[in-house]
Amino acid sequence: MKKQLIECVPNFSEGNDMHIINQITDAMKTVENVSVIDVDPGKATNRTVVTMVGEPEAICEAAFRAVKKAAELIDMTKHKGAHPRFGATDVCPLVPVSNITMEETVEYARKLARRIGEELNIPVYCYESAAFVPERKNLATCRAGEYEALGERLCSEQWYPDFGPRELNEWTAKTGATAVGARNFLVAYNVNLNTTSTRRANAIAFDVRERGRVKREGNPITGKKVLDENGKPVMIPGTLKSVKAIGWFIEEYGIAQISMNLTDILVTSMHEAFDEVCRKAVDRGIRVTGSELVGVIPLQAMLDAGRYFLRKQQRSSGVSDKELIKIAVKSLGLDELYPFEPDKKIIEYILEKEAGKGKKKLIGMSLTDFADETASESPAPGGGSISAYMGALGAALGSMVANLSSHKRGWDERWEEFSNWAEKGKAYQTELMKLVDEDTNAFNRIMDAFGLPKKTEAEKAARQQAVQEATRYATEVPFKTMHLCYECMFVAKAMAEIGNPNSVTDAGVGALAARAGVMGAFLNVKINAAGLEDKVFAADIIHEGKDVVEKACRLEAKILEIVNSKI
């Protein structure tokens, strides 16, 4: 069964005293199998946003210990800050990351909320998907009036907490309340302005946020509020869906910001929010100077931003992830206030770094080190990893010709055509690069299986099963390499036919490298399949492998014919 992962993003009402902040995060780290991947304190907001990832039970335990420690160290009767808040641990949302549903995440959130309320005697409101009633789904509604209104709300019939005390006493006055929720991935994102005016920043925030602004009679600022039949203010919606926003002044940097929560980046992405704020700021005589990411972000969001800005420039977006991230950072001004460090801000990179501690990855080596490791007495990396790498190089050459073609003078109207080919080549390259390490991992799994004990009949049976499972996997990995190497040859073919004629030999070399990857991977398929007890599976995979080899050889001949005709 695949490991379930959730993210937890607790916000604590302390952003200045690192001694307190460190004690809270240290409490999280006492739980095994929890990775604290980001700690982001804000002085002006007097608030720290922490991000941790792990298995559900471990994350809930770490969150509980952090809430307990925050309640001991933070006194809400003395708290001041620019950000809305009503508790020492103000919010504690759980976010499904992988192999877990929202419904399951909701159950964990409610269980955590109950435990905080009953064991720590802290008032708890469940919000977003964990809300028990629709009226409490919105965090802003649960937190209305902030800490200052908490005493009245705790004992009210409508707004008493879901769990914990229903009164403001000496203890709850100190701890405040906590909102525990389950929600989709949220990006906390601030846009920097060349003004110090909070009022003007708020005006822009009201322009863009989904809720918008209150409708007024006559003067849009000072006019009388327009009310509906229930006596509630009528709202003029903003331009961005799934966006919450306010304006504030950050004394630390001497600027006003639009502080946004992008509650669904599939609806409104970071780059779309940035561009819309730019447009609305210009309308009000203000200029956007950059932006700030609070906490972490999925890799895909950064790659999408890079592609978006490249396509606006009519440039090929089939470039490396590193280049796409660089374009995104520069275009969004994410490094204006302090350096943007991808390995500390992009969630996949952080988890990869955590998982790779103490492990040697082949694709992280220099060319020289990789060649030396291959030549060493160690049996891995071997032919399977080299085959995947040859395929990756073949795909990379196809992308190179596509990128050169998209920038060729006089071919400006064809940039998108070549950009699409470059992206295809890059996708094959990315998958094949993963298989460089995966082939070696598959070999190591076989060695580990052979190393299992075999003293008893039960141990022998378990060992034999493990050997067979590892051998099957070691057959499937190079089989996948074969297919990817063959498929990436079509990029080389297209570039030989329609690409920049000055680079036609590069397309030819790409085809040669990819076909070599097919042939090399097939050798590994055959030798590993020979050790399988499931002879039907072995025969089928070898038969299909032969078909791929034949098609790759025919395609290679066709590509070389095209290349030679143009030399």
Protein backbone atom coordinates (compact mmCIF):
# COMPACT_ATOMS: atom_id res chain seq x y z
CA MET A 1 0.00 0.00 0.00
CA LYS A 2 1.32 3.42 -0.97
CA LYS A 3 2.25 5.76 1.86
CA GLN A 4 -0.32 8.42 2.70
CA LEU A 5 1.04 11.95 3.03
CA ILE A 6 -0.58 15.09 4.33
CA GLU A 7 0.70 18.60 4.81
CA CYS A 8 0.00 20.69 7.90
CA VAL A 9 0.44 24.49 7.87
CA PRO A 10 -0.07 25.83 11.41
CA ASN A 11 0.13 29.61 11.89
CA PHE A 12 1.38 30.82 15.27
CA SER A 13 0.85 34.30 16.69
CA GLU A 14 4.53 35.04 17.21
CA GLY A 15 6.83 36.34 14.50
CA ASN A 16 9.62 38.12 16.37
CA ASP A 17 10.94 35.96 19.22
CA MET A 18 12.93 33.15 17.59
CA HIS A 19 13.43 31.50 20.96
CA ILE A 20 9.69 30.92 21.20
CA ILE A 21 9.38 29.95 17.53
CA ASN A 22 12.21 27.43 17.80
CA GLN A 23 10.65 25.80 20.87
CA ILE A 24 7.38 25.32 18.96
CA THR A 25 9.07 23.83 15.89
CA ASP A 26 11.30 21.68 18.11
CA ALA A 27 8.13 20.18 19.59
CA MET A 28 7.06 19.11 16.09
CA LYS A 29 10.44 17.55 15.40
CA THR A 30 10.14 15.21 18.39
CA VAL A 31 7.73 13.11 16.30
CA GLU A 32 9.33 10.59 13.95
CA ASN A 33 8.58 10.61 10.22
CA VAL A 34 7.59 14.27 10.17
CA SER A 35 9.51 16.72 7.98
CA VAL A 36 9.36 20.39 8.99
CA ILE A 37 10.07 21.85 5.57
CA ASP A 38 9.50 25.57 6.06
CA VAL A 39 9.44 28.10 8.92
CA ASP A 40 8.46 31.61 7.82
CA PRO A 41 8.31 34.27 10.59
CA GLY A 42 6.94 37.74 9.84
CA LYS A 43 7.84 40.66 12.08
CA ALA A 44 5.12 43.10 11.06
CA THR A 45 2.41 40.43 11.08
CA ASN A 46 3.86 38.98 14.32
CA ARG A 47 3.01 35.58 12.90
CA THR A 48 4.95 32.48 11.87
CA VAL A 49 3.77 30.07 9.19
CA VAL A 50 5.20 26.56 9.53
CA THR A 51 4.88 23.80 6.93
CA MET A 52 5.37 20.12 7.75
CA VAL A 53 4.70 16.95 5.77
CA GLY A 54 4.33 13.34 6.85
CA GLU A 55 1.95 10.46 7.42
CA PRO A 56 -1.43 11.46 8.92
CA GLU A 57 -1.06 10.02 12.44
CA ALA A 58 2.44 11.44 12.84
CA ILE A 59 1.41 14.86 11.52
CA CYS A 60 -1.56 15.05 13.89
CA GLU A 61 0.67 14.17 16.84
CA ALA A 62 3.25 16.79 15.80
CA ALA A 63 0.51 19.40 15.38
CA PHE A 64 -0.92 18.61 18.82
CA ARG A 65 2.49 18.98 20.48
CA ALA A 66 3.07 22.28 18.67
CA VAL A 67 -0.33 23.66 19.72
CA LYS A 68 0.39 22.64 23.30
CA LYS A 69 3.79 24.36 23.28
CA ALA A 70 2.38 27.52 21.66
CA ALA A 71 -0.31 27.70 24.34
CA GLU A 72 2.39 27.58 27.02
CA LEU A 73 4.62 30.24 25.44
CA ILE A 74 2.32 32.78 23.73
CA ASP A 75 0.08 35.18 25.63
CA MET A 76 -2.70 36.49 23.40
CA THR A 77 -3.62 39.23 25.89
CA LYS A 78 -0.39 40.96 24.81
CA HIS A 79 -0.42 40.16 21.09
CA LYS A 80 -0.36 42.81 18.38
CA GLY A 81 0.14 42.23 14.66
CA ALA A 82 -1.00 43.23 11.19
CA HIS A 83 -2.52 39.83 10.34
CA PRO A 84 -6.03 38.81 11.48
CA ARG A 85 -5.77 36.37 14.42
CA PHE A 86 -7.67 34.97 17.39
CA GLY A 87 -5.35 32.43 18.98
CA ALA A 88 -1.81 31.46 19.91
CA THR A 89 -2.09 28.72 17.31
CA ASP A 90 -4.36 30.71 15.06
CA VAL A 91 -5.06 28.17 12.33
CA CYS A 92 -4.02 24.56 11.80
CA PRO A 93 -5.13 23.22 8.41
CA LEU A 94 -4.46 19.71 7.12
CA VAL A 95 -3.92 19.32 3.37
CA PRO A 96 -4.04 16.02 1.43
CA VAL A 97 -0.78 15.55 -0.51
CA SER A 98 -0.75 11.98 -1.85
CA ASN A 99 -2.73 8.72 -1.63
CA ILE A 100 -5.33 10.21 0.71
CA THR A 101 -8.77 11.65 0.05
CA MET A 102 -10.21 14.89 1.36
CA GLU A 103 -12.82 12.87 3.25
CA GLU A 104 -10.08 10.98 5.10
CA THR A 105 -8.24 14.23 5.79
CA VAL A 106 -11.42 15.71 7.27
CA GLU A 107 -11.64 12.83 9.75
CA TYR A 108 -8.07 13.42 10.87
CA ALA A 109 -8.72 17.17 11.23
CA ARG A 110 -11.82 16.66 13.38
CA LYS A 111 -10.03 14.10 15.53
CA LEU A 112 -7.18 16.57 16.06
CA ALA A 113 -9.64 19.37 16.84
CA ARG A 114 -11.42 17.27 19.46
CA ARG A 115 -8.14 16.34 21.12
CA ILE A 116 -6.98 19.98 21.28
CA GLY A 117 -10.29 21.04 22.77
CA GLU A 118 -10.59 18.23 25.33
CA GLU A 119 -6.96 17.73 26.38
CA LEU A 120 -5.62 21.29 26.13
CA ASN A 121 -8.85 23.15 27.00
CA ILE A 122 -8.51 25.43 23.97
CA PRO A 123 -11.63 26.55 22.05
CA VAL A 124 -11.54 25.04 18.56
CA TYR A 125 -13.51 25.91 15.42
CA CYS A 126 -13.52 23.48 12.48
CA TYR A 127 -13.42 25.24 9.11
CA GLU A 128 -13.21 24.65 5.34
CA SER A 129 -13.97 20.99 4.49
CA ALA A 130 -13.82 20.02 8.19
CA ALA A 131 -16.65 22.43 9.10
CA PHE A 132 -19.69 20.78 10.67
CA VAL A 133 -22.06 23.46 9.30
CA PRO A 134 -21.82 25.54 6.10
CA GLU A 135 -21.67 28.83 8.05
CA ARG A 136 -18.28 27.85 9.50
CA LYS A 137 -16.63 26.81 6.25
CA ASN A 138 -15.09 30.27 5.72
CA LEU A 139 -12.17 31.00 8.06
CA ALA A 140 -12.82 34.75 8.01
CA THR A 141 -16.35 34.12 9.30
CA CYS A 142 -15.10 31.89 12.13
CA ARG A 143 -12.50 34.52 13.06
CA ALA A 144 -14.78 37.56 12.68
CA GLY A 145 -13.90 40.28 15.19
CA GLU A 146 -10.59 38.50 15.83
CA TYR A 147 -9.24 37.95 19.35
CA GLU A 148 -10.93 41.11 20.66
CA ALA A 149 -14.41 39.67 19.96
CA LEU A 150 -13.63 36.17 21.23
CA GLY A 151 -15.15 36.54 24.69
CA GLU A 152 -18.54 37.43 23.27
CA ARG A 153 -18.49 34.76 20.56
CA LEU A 154 -17.41 31.85 22.80
CA CYS A 155 -20.58 32.04 24.87
CA SER A 156 -22.99 32.97 22.07
CA GLU A 157 -25.61 30.52 20.82
CA GLN A 158 -24.46 30.87 17.21
CA TRP A 159 -20.69 31.02 17.51
CA TYR A 160 -19.66 28.80 20.41
CA PRO A 161 -16.69 26.55 19.48
CA ASP A 162 -17.04 23.04 18.08
CA PHE A 163 -14.74 21.69 20.81
CA GLY A 164 -13.27 23.01 24.05
CA PRO A 165 -14.33 25.70 26.56
CA ARG A 166 -17.24 28.03 25.81
CA GLU A 167 -16.05 30.89 27.95
CA LEU A 168 -13.22 33.38 28.17
CA ASN A 169 -11.40 32.61 31.41
CA GLU A 170 -7.82 33.22 32.50
CA TRP A 171 -6.53 30.27 30.43
CA THR A 172 -8.56 30.83 27.25
CA ALA A 173 -7.79 34.55 27.37
CA LYS A 174 -4.12 33.58 27.17
CA THR A 175 -4.47 30.89 24.47
CA GLY A 176 -7.25 32.38 22.40
CA ALA A 177 -8.99 30.02 19.97
CA THR A 178 -7.68 27.76 17.21
CA ALA A 179 -9.23 26.99 13.83
CA VAL A 180 -8.54 23.44 12.63
CA GLY A 181 -9.44 22.64 9.06
CA ALA A 182 -9.00 20.44 6.02
CA ARG A 183 -8.49 22.20 2.73
CA ASN A 184 -6.87 21.99 -0.66
CA PHE A 185 -3.37 23.33 -1.21
CA LEU A 186 -3.31 27.06 -0.47
CA VAL A 187 -0.62 29.46 -1.64
CA ALA A 188 0.05 32.46 0.61
CA TYR A 189 1.29 35.12 -1.76
CA ASN A 190 2.03 38.83 -1.32
CA VAL A 191 2.49 41.41 -4.10
CA ASN A 192 4.74 44.40 -3.37
CA LEU A 193 3.73 47.94 -4.28
CA ASN A 194 5.64 51.21 -4.72
CA THR A 195 3.49 52.87 -2.08
CA THR A 196 3.27 53.04 1.68
CA SER A 197 -0.51 53.57 1.67
CA THR A 198 -2.50 50.76 3.26
CA ARG A 199 -5.72 52.37 2.03
CA ARG A 200 -4.60 52.27 -1.60
CA ALA A 201 -3.32 48.73 -1.20
CA ASN A 202 -6.69 47.73 0.21
CA ALA A 203 -8.42 49.34 -2.75
CA ILE A 204 -6.47 47.11 -5.12
CA ALA A 205 -7.12 44.08 -2.89
CA PHE A 206 -10.88 44.79 -3.09
CA ASP A 207 -10.57 45.10 -6.89
CA VAL A 208 -9.17 41.60 -7.27
CA ARG A 209 -10.43 39.42 -4.41
CA GLU A 210 -13.41 37.19 -5.11
CA ARG A 211 -15.55 38.77 -2.37
CA GLY A 212 -14.89 42.22 -3.77
CA ARG A 213 -16.11 45.35 -2.00
CA VAL A 214 -19.30 46.72 -0.46
CA LYS A 215 -21.63 48.43 -2.93
CA ARG A 216 -22.40 52.03 -1.98
CA GLU A 217 -24.80 54.72 -3.12
CA GLY A 218 -23.12 57.61 -4.93
CA ASN A 219 -19.51 57.89 -3.74
CA PRO A 220 -17.93 54.39 -3.87
CA ILE A 221 -15.88 55.13 -0.73
CA THR A 222 -18.02 57.27 1.52
CA GLY A 223 -21.49 56.57 0.15
CA LYS A 224 -24.20 54.79 2.10
CA LYS A 225 -23.94 50.98 2.00
CA VAL A 226 -26.46 49.20 -0.20
CA LEU A 227 -28.22 46.44 1.75
CA ASP A 228 -30.13 43.38 0.52
CA GLU A 229 -33.56 42.23 1.70
CA ASN A 230 -31.93 40.58 4.74
CA GLY A 231 -30.13 43.77 5.75
CA LYS A 232 -26.71 42.47 4.67
CA PRO A 233 -24.35 44.59 2.54
CA VAL A 234 -24.49 43.97 -1.20
CA MET A 235 -21.04 43.11 -2.57
CA ILE A 236 -19.43 43.99 -5.91
CA PRO A 237 -17.34 40.89 -6.77
CA GLY A 238 -13.66 41.23 -7.60
CA THR A 239 -12.00 39.88 -10.72
CA LEU A 240 -10.25 36.78 -9.33
CA LYS A 241 -12.01 33.60 -8.25
CA SER A 242 -10.74 31.57 -5.25
CA VAL A 243 -8.72 34.54 -3.99
CA LYS A 244 -8.83 36.26 -0.60
CA ALA A 245 -6.91 39.52 -0.26
CA ILE A 246 -6.24 42.50 2.00
CA GLY A 247 -3.80 45.39 1.85
CA TRP A 248 -1.27 46.16 4.56
CA PHE A 249 1.94 48.06 5.26
CA ILE A 250 5.11 46.10 6.08
CA GLU A 251 7.32 48.28 8.23
CA GLU A 252 10.23 45.85 7.90
CA TYR A 253 10.49 46.63 4.17
CA GLY A 254 8.83 50.05 4.12
CA ILE A 255 6.22 49.05 1.52
CA ALA A 256 2.55 48.23 1.22
CA GLN A 257 1.55 44.80 -0.03
CA ILE A 258 -1.48 43.01 -1.36
CA SER A 259 -1.62 39.92 0.86
CA MET A 260 -3.45 37.11 -0.92
CA ASN A 261 -4.51 33.57 -0.17
CA LEU A 262 -4.87 31.65 -3.42
CA THR A 263 -7.27 28.98 -2.21
CA ASP A 264 -7.31 27.00 -5.45
CA ILE A 265 -4.37 27.57 -7.79
CA LEU A 266 -6.10 25.49 -10.47
CA VAL A 267 -8.72 28.26 -10.61
CA THR A 268 -6.44 31.28 -10.15
CA SER A 269 -2.71 30.66 -10.43
CA MET A 270 0.04 32.73 -8.87
CA HIS A 271 1.07 34.26 -12.19
CA GLU A 272 -2.53 35.14 -13.10
CA ALA A 273 -3.00 36.83 -9.71
CA PHE A 274 0.26 38.75 -10.18
CA ASP A 275 -0.68 40.06 -13.62
CA GLU A 276 -4.17 41.07 -12.50
CA VAL A 277 -2.78 43.00 -9.52
CA CYS A 278 -0.35 44.70 -11.93
CA ARG A 279 -3.27 45.82 -14.12
CA LYS A 280 -5.37 47.10 -11.21
CA ALA A 281 -2.37 48.85 -9.64
CA VAL A 282 -1.64 50.74 -12.88
CA ASP A 283 -5.28 51.85 -12.99
CA ARG A 284 -4.70 53.52 -9.61
CA GLY A 285 -1.33 55.08 -10.50
CA ILE A 286 0.65 52.47 -8.55
CA ARG A 287 3.34 50.10 -9.75
CA VAL A 288 4.03 46.50 -8.69
CA THR A 289 7.71 46.09 -7.81
CA GLY A 290 7.84 42.38 -7.02
CA SER A 291 6.22 39.72 -4.89
CA GLU A 292 6.77 37.36 -1.98
CA LEU A 293 5.91 33.69 -1.49
CA VAL A 294 5.04 32.82 2.12
CA GLY A 295 5.62 29.15 2.87
CA VAL A 296 6.00 26.64 0.06
CA ILE A 297 4.52 25.96 -3.37
CA PRO A 298 4.11 22.91 -5.63
CA LEU A 299 6.70 22.56 -8.39
CA GLN A 300 4.03 22.56 -11.09
CA ALA A 301 2.87 26.06 -10.10
CA MET A 302 6.39 27.43 -10.62
CA LEU A 303 6.82 25.60 -13.93
CA ASP A 304 3.45 26.88 -15.14
CA ALA A 305 4.48 30.43 -14.24
CA GLY A 306 7.76 30.09 -16.15
CA ARG A 307 5.96 28.77 -19.23
CA TYR A 308 3.34 31.53 -18.98
CA PHE A 309 5.91 34.33 -19.07
CA LEU A 310 7.97 32.66 -21.81
CA ARG A 311 4.89 32.26 -23.98
CA LYS A 312 3.98 35.91 -23.42
CA GLN A 313 7.40 36.69 -24.91
CA GLN A 314 6.69 34.23 -27.76
CA ARG A 315 9.64 32.13 -26.70
CA SER A 316 9.92 28.35 -26.48
CA SER A 317 8.91 26.92 -23.12
CA GLY A 318 10.54 23.55 -23.76
CA VAL A 319 13.48 24.33 -21.51
CA SER A 320 14.76 22.81 -18.26
CA ASP A 321 12.85 23.06 -15.00
CA LYS A 322 15.73 25.11 -13.63
CA GLU A 323 15.34 27.66 -16.43
CA LEU A 324 11.56 27.78 -16.06
CA ILE A 325 11.89 28.46 -12.34
CA LYS A 326 14.47 31.17 -13.00
CA ILE A 327 12.10 32.88 -15.47
CA ALA A 328 9.23 32.63 -12.97
CA VAL A 329 11.28 34.11 -10.13
CA LYS A 330 12.49 37.04 -12.24
CA SER A 331 9.10 37.70 -13.85
CA LEU A 332 7.24 37.66 -10.53
CA GLY A 333 10.01 39.52 -8.67
CA LEU A 334 10.08 36.78 -6.04
CA ASP A 335 13.63 37.74 -5.10
CA GLU A 336 12.96 41.44 -4.48
CA LEU A 337 12.82 41.30 -0.67
CA TYR A 338 15.22 38.39 -0.12
CA PRO A 339 16.73 35.59 -2.24
CA PHE A 340 14.30 32.96 -3.49
CA GLU A 341 15.76 29.50 -2.83
CA PRO A 342 13.94 26.80 -4.83
CA ASP A 343 15.24 23.95 -2.66
CA LYS A 344 13.62 25.61 0.36
CA LYS A 345 10.42 26.86 -1.28
CA ILE A 346 9.31 24.13 -3.69
CA ILE A 347 7.68 21.25 -1.87
CA GLU A 348 8.88 18.46 -4.17
CA TYR A 349 12.48 19.66 -3.93
CA ILE A 350 12.28 19.80 -0.15
CA LEU A 351 10.85 16.28 0.13
CA GLU A 352 13.36 14.98 -2.41
CA LYS A 353 16.17 16.48 -0.37
CA GLU A 354 14.80 14.93 2.82
CA ALA A 355 14.37 11.52 1.18
CA GLY A 356 17.83 11.67 -0.37
CA LYS A 357 19.79 12.39 2.79
CA GLY A 358 22.68 9.97 2.91
CA LYS A 359 21.83 8.58 -0.53
CA LYS A 360 23.92 9.04 -3.67
CA LYS A 361 21.89 9.96 -6.77
CA LEU A 362 23.45 9.29 -10.16
CA ILE A 363 21.70 12.18 -11.92
CA GLY A 364 23.17 14.60 -9.40
CA MET A 365 26.73 13.68 -10.37
CA SER A 366 29.02 15.53 -12.77
CA LEU A 367 29.66 13.87 -16.13
CA THR A 368 33.12 12.86 -14.97
CA ASP A 369 31.90 11.40 -11.67
CA PHE A 370 29.13 9.51 -13.45
CA ALA A 371 31.59 7.99 -15.91
CA ASP A 372 34.01 7.12 -13.10
CA GLU A 373 31.22 5.50 -11.06
CA THR A 374 30.20 3.48 -14.09
CA ALA A 375 33.80 2.34 -14.64
CA SER A 376 34.29 1.34 -11.00
CA GLU A 377 34.16 -2.22 -9.64
CA SER A 378 30.58 -1.62 -8.46
CA PRO A 379 28.04 -3.45 -10.70
CA ALA A 380 25.73 -0.43 -10.67
CA PRO A 381 25.17 1.78 -12.55
CA GLY A 382 25.17 -0.69 -15.38
CA GLY A 383 23.78 -1.06 -18.86
CA GLY A 384 20.20 -0.24 -17.87
CA SER A 385 21.09 3.13 -16.36
CA ILE A 386 23.38 3.94 -19.28
CA SER A 387 20.60 3.05 -21.74
CA ALA A 388 18.21 5.43 -19.97
CA TYR A 389 20.86 8.16 -20.02
CA MET A 390 21.51 7.66 -23.75
CA GLY A 391 17.78 8.03 -24.34
CA ALA A 392 17.69 11.18 -22.21
CA LEU A 393 20.52 12.67 -24.27
CA GLY A 394 18.68 11.76 -27.47
CA ALA A 395 15.54 13.52 -26.21
CA ALA A 396 17.61 16.51 -25.09
CA LEU A 397 19.12 16.88 -28.58
CA GLY A 398 15.65 16.87 -30.10
CA SER A 399 14.59 19.61 -27.69
CA MET A 400 17.72 21.59 -28.49
CA VAL A 401 16.95 21.63 -32.22
CA ALA A 402 13.34 22.64 -31.46
CA ASN A 403 14.47 25.50 -29.21
CA LEU A 404 17.00 26.71 -31.78
CA SER A 405 14.33 26.56 -34.47
CA SER A 406 11.85 28.57 -32.39
CA HIS A 407 14.42 31.38 -32.15
CA LYS A 408 15.57 31.24 -35.77
CA ARG A 409 15.43 34.63 -37.46
CA GLY A 410 12.60 34.80 -39.95
CA TRP A 411 10.70 31.93 -38.32
CA ASP A 412 9.05 34.08 -35.64
CA GLU A 413 5.53 33.01 -36.61
CA ARG A 414 6.49 29.35 -35.97
CA TRP A 415 7.72 29.79 -32.36
CA GLU A 416 4.71 27.99 -30.85
CA GLU A 417 5.02 25.01 -33.21
CA PHE A 418 8.62 24.45 -32.16
CA SER A 419 7.90 25.23 -28.51
CA ASN A 420 5.41 22.35 -28.46
CA TRP A 421 8.03 19.97 -29.90
CA ALA A 422 10.60 21.18 -27.37
CA GLU A 423 8.18 20.49 -24.51
CA LYS A 424 7.58 16.95 -25.80
CA GLY A 425 11.32 16.31 -25.94
CA LYS A 426 11.80 17.73 -22.47
CA ALA A 427 9.03 15.50 -21.05
CA TYR A 428 10.78 12.40 -22.43
CA GLN A 429 14.12 13.61 -21.11
CA THR A 430 12.67 14.14 -17.61
CA GLU A 431 11.17 10.63 -17.44
CA LEU A 432 14.31 8.97 -18.78
CA MET A 433 16.51 10.83 -16.30
CA LYS A 434 14.39 9.38 -13.48
CA LEU A 435 14.97 5.90 -14.92
CA VAL A 436 18.77 6.35 -14.73
CA ASP A 437 18.53 6.04 -10.95
CA GLU A 438 15.49 3.77 -10.98
CA ASP A 439 17.30 1.08 -12.98
CA THR A 440 20.10 1.05 -10.41
CA ASN A 441 17.50 0.98 -7.61
CA ALA A 442 15.85 -2.01 -9.27
CA PHE A 443 19.17 -3.89 -9.39
CA ASN A 444 19.78 -3.09 -5.72
CA ARG A 445 16.33 -4.47 -4.84
CA ILE A 446 17.35 -7.81 -6.33
CA MET A 447 20.58 -7.82 -4.33
CA ASP A 448 18.65 -6.97 -1.15
CA ALA A 449 16.22 -9.82 -1.82
CA PHE A 450 19.06 -12.32 -2.26
CA GLY A 451 20.46 -11.10 1.06
CA LEU A 452 17.33 -12.07 3.03
CA PRO A 453 17.63 -14.94 5.56
CA LYS A 454 16.90 -18.50 4.37
CA LYS A 455 17.30 -20.71 7.43
CA THR A 456 13.69 -21.84 7.77
CA GLU A 457 11.17 -22.92 5.14
CA ALA A 458 9.12 -19.80 5.81
CA GLU A 459 12.19 -17.59 5.35
CA LYS A 460 13.07 -19.42 2.14
CA ALA A 461 9.57 -18.89 0.76
CA ALA A 462 9.58 -15.18 1.70
CA ARG A 463 13.03 -14.76 0.19
CA GLN A 464 12.02 -16.46 -3.06
CA GLN A 465 8.90 -14.30 -3.35
CA ALA A 466 10.95 -11.13 -2.74
CA VAL A 467 13.49 -12.22 -5.39
CA GLN A 468 10.73 -12.81 -7.94
CA GLU A 469 9.03 -9.47 -7.20
CA ALA A 470 12.35 -7.61 -7.47
CA THR A 471 13.26 -9.44 -10.69
CA ARG A 472 9.92 -8.60 -12.26
CA TYR A 473 10.41 -4.94 -11.35
CA ALA A 474 13.96 -5.03 -12.74
CA THR A 475 12.43 -6.28 -16.01
CA GLU A 476 9.69 -3.66 -16.12
CA VAL A 477 12.02 -0.68 -15.60
CA PRO A 478 14.19 -1.22 -18.74
CA PHE A 479 11.01 -2.13 -20.65
CA LYS A 480 9.67 1.32 -19.81
CA THR A 481 13.04 2.78 -20.85
CA MET A 482 12.69 1.06 -24.25
CA HIS A 483 9.30 2.63 -24.92
CA LEU A 484 10.38 6.12 -23.90
CA CYS A 485 13.56 5.94 -25.99
CA TYR A 486 11.53 4.86 -29.02
CA GLU A 487 8.86 7.53 -28.54
CA CYS A 488 11.39 10.35 -28.20
CA MET A 489 12.79 9.41 -31.63
CA PHE A 490 9.71 11.02 -33.19
CA VAL A 491 10.90 14.38 -31.86
CA ALA A 492 14.24 13.80 -33.60
CA LYS A 493 12.40 12.83 -36.81
CA ALA A 494 10.27 15.98 -36.75
CA MET A 495 13.30 18.16 -36.16
CA ALA A 496 15.21 16.46 -38.98
CA GLU A 497 12.27 17.18 -41.29
CA ILE A 498 11.20 20.71 -40.28
CA GLY A 499 13.78 22.02 -37.82
CA ASN A 500 16.65 24.45 -38.30
CA PRO A 501 18.67 22.90 -41.18
CA ASN A 502 21.90 24.03 -39.54
CA SER A 503 21.17 21.59 -36.69
CA VAL A 504 19.95 18.63 -38.70
CA THR A 505 22.95 16.48 -37.65
CA ASP A 506 22.05 17.11 -34.00
CA ALA A 507 18.65 15.57 -34.68
CA GLY A 508 20.45 12.62 -36.30
CA VAL A 509 22.73 12.09 -33.32
CA GLY A 510 19.66 12.29 -31.07
CA ALA A 511 18.06 9.47 -33.04
CA LEU A 512 21.22 7.36 -32.81
CA ALA A 513 21.43 7.86 -29.03
CA ALA A 514 17.75 7.05 -28.50
CA ARG A 515 17.90 3.90 -30.68
CA ALA A 516 20.97 2.77 -28.72
CA GLY A 517 18.89 3.29 -25.57
CA VAL A 518 16.18 1.00 -26.97
CA MET A 519 18.68 -1.74 -27.84
CA GLY A 520 20.57 -1.49 -24.56
CA ALA A 521 17.43 -1.53 -22.44
CA PHE A 522 16.16 -4.60 -24.33
CA LEU A 523 19.29 -6.52 -23.37
CA ASN A 524 18.41 -5.84 -19.72
CA VAL A 525 14.80 -6.88 -20.26
CA LYS A 526 15.93 -10.23 -21.69
CA ILE A 527 18.49 -11.07 -19.01
CA ASN A 528 16.14 -10.20 -16.14
CA ALA A 529 13.11 -11.93 -17.71
CA ALA A 530 15.17 -15.13 -17.90
CA GLY A 531 15.08 -15.33 -14.10
CA LEU A 532 11.29 -15.07 -13.83
CA GLU A 533 9.15 -18.04 -12.80
CA ASP A 534 6.16 -16.45 -14.55
CA LYS A 535 7.10 -17.66 -18.03
CA VAL A 536 3.94 -16.27 -19.65
CA PHE A 537 4.76 -12.74 -18.49
CA ALA A 538 8.40 -13.21 -19.52
CA ALA A 539 7.47 -14.40 -23.02
CA ASP A 540 4.98 -11.55 -23.52
CA ILE A 541 7.38 -8.80 -22.47
CA ILE A 542 10.20 -10.17 -24.66
CA HIS A 543 7.85 -10.47 -27.66
CA GLU A 544 6.68 -6.88 -27.23
CA GLY A 545 10.28 -5.75 -26.68
CA LYS A 546 11.35 -7.29 -30.01
CA ASP A 547 8.58 -5.34 -31.72
CA VAL A 548 9.81 -2.07 -30.20
CA VAL A 549 13.39 -2.82 -31.31
CA GLU A 550 12.30 -3.49 -34.90
CA LYS A 551 10.24 -0.29 -35.06
CA ALA A 552 13.09 1.75 -33.54
CA CYS A 553 15.58 0.44 -36.10
CA ARG A 554 13.23 1.27 -39.00
CA LEU A 555 12.62 4.75 -37.58
CA GLU A 556 16.34 5.33 -37.10
CA ALA A 557 17.00 4.41 -40.76
CA LYS A 558 14.30 6.85 -41.89
CA ILE A 559 15.69 9.68 -39.77
CA LEU A 560 19.25 9.11 -40.99
CA GLU A 561 17.98 9.11 -44.58
CA ILE A 562 16.41 12.54 -43.98
CA VAL A 563 19.54 13.85 -42.24
CA ASN A 564 21.92 12.65 -44.98
CA SER A 565 19.72 14.15 -47.68
CA LYS A 566 20.13 17.59 -46.07
CA ILE A 567 23.88 17.51 -45.39
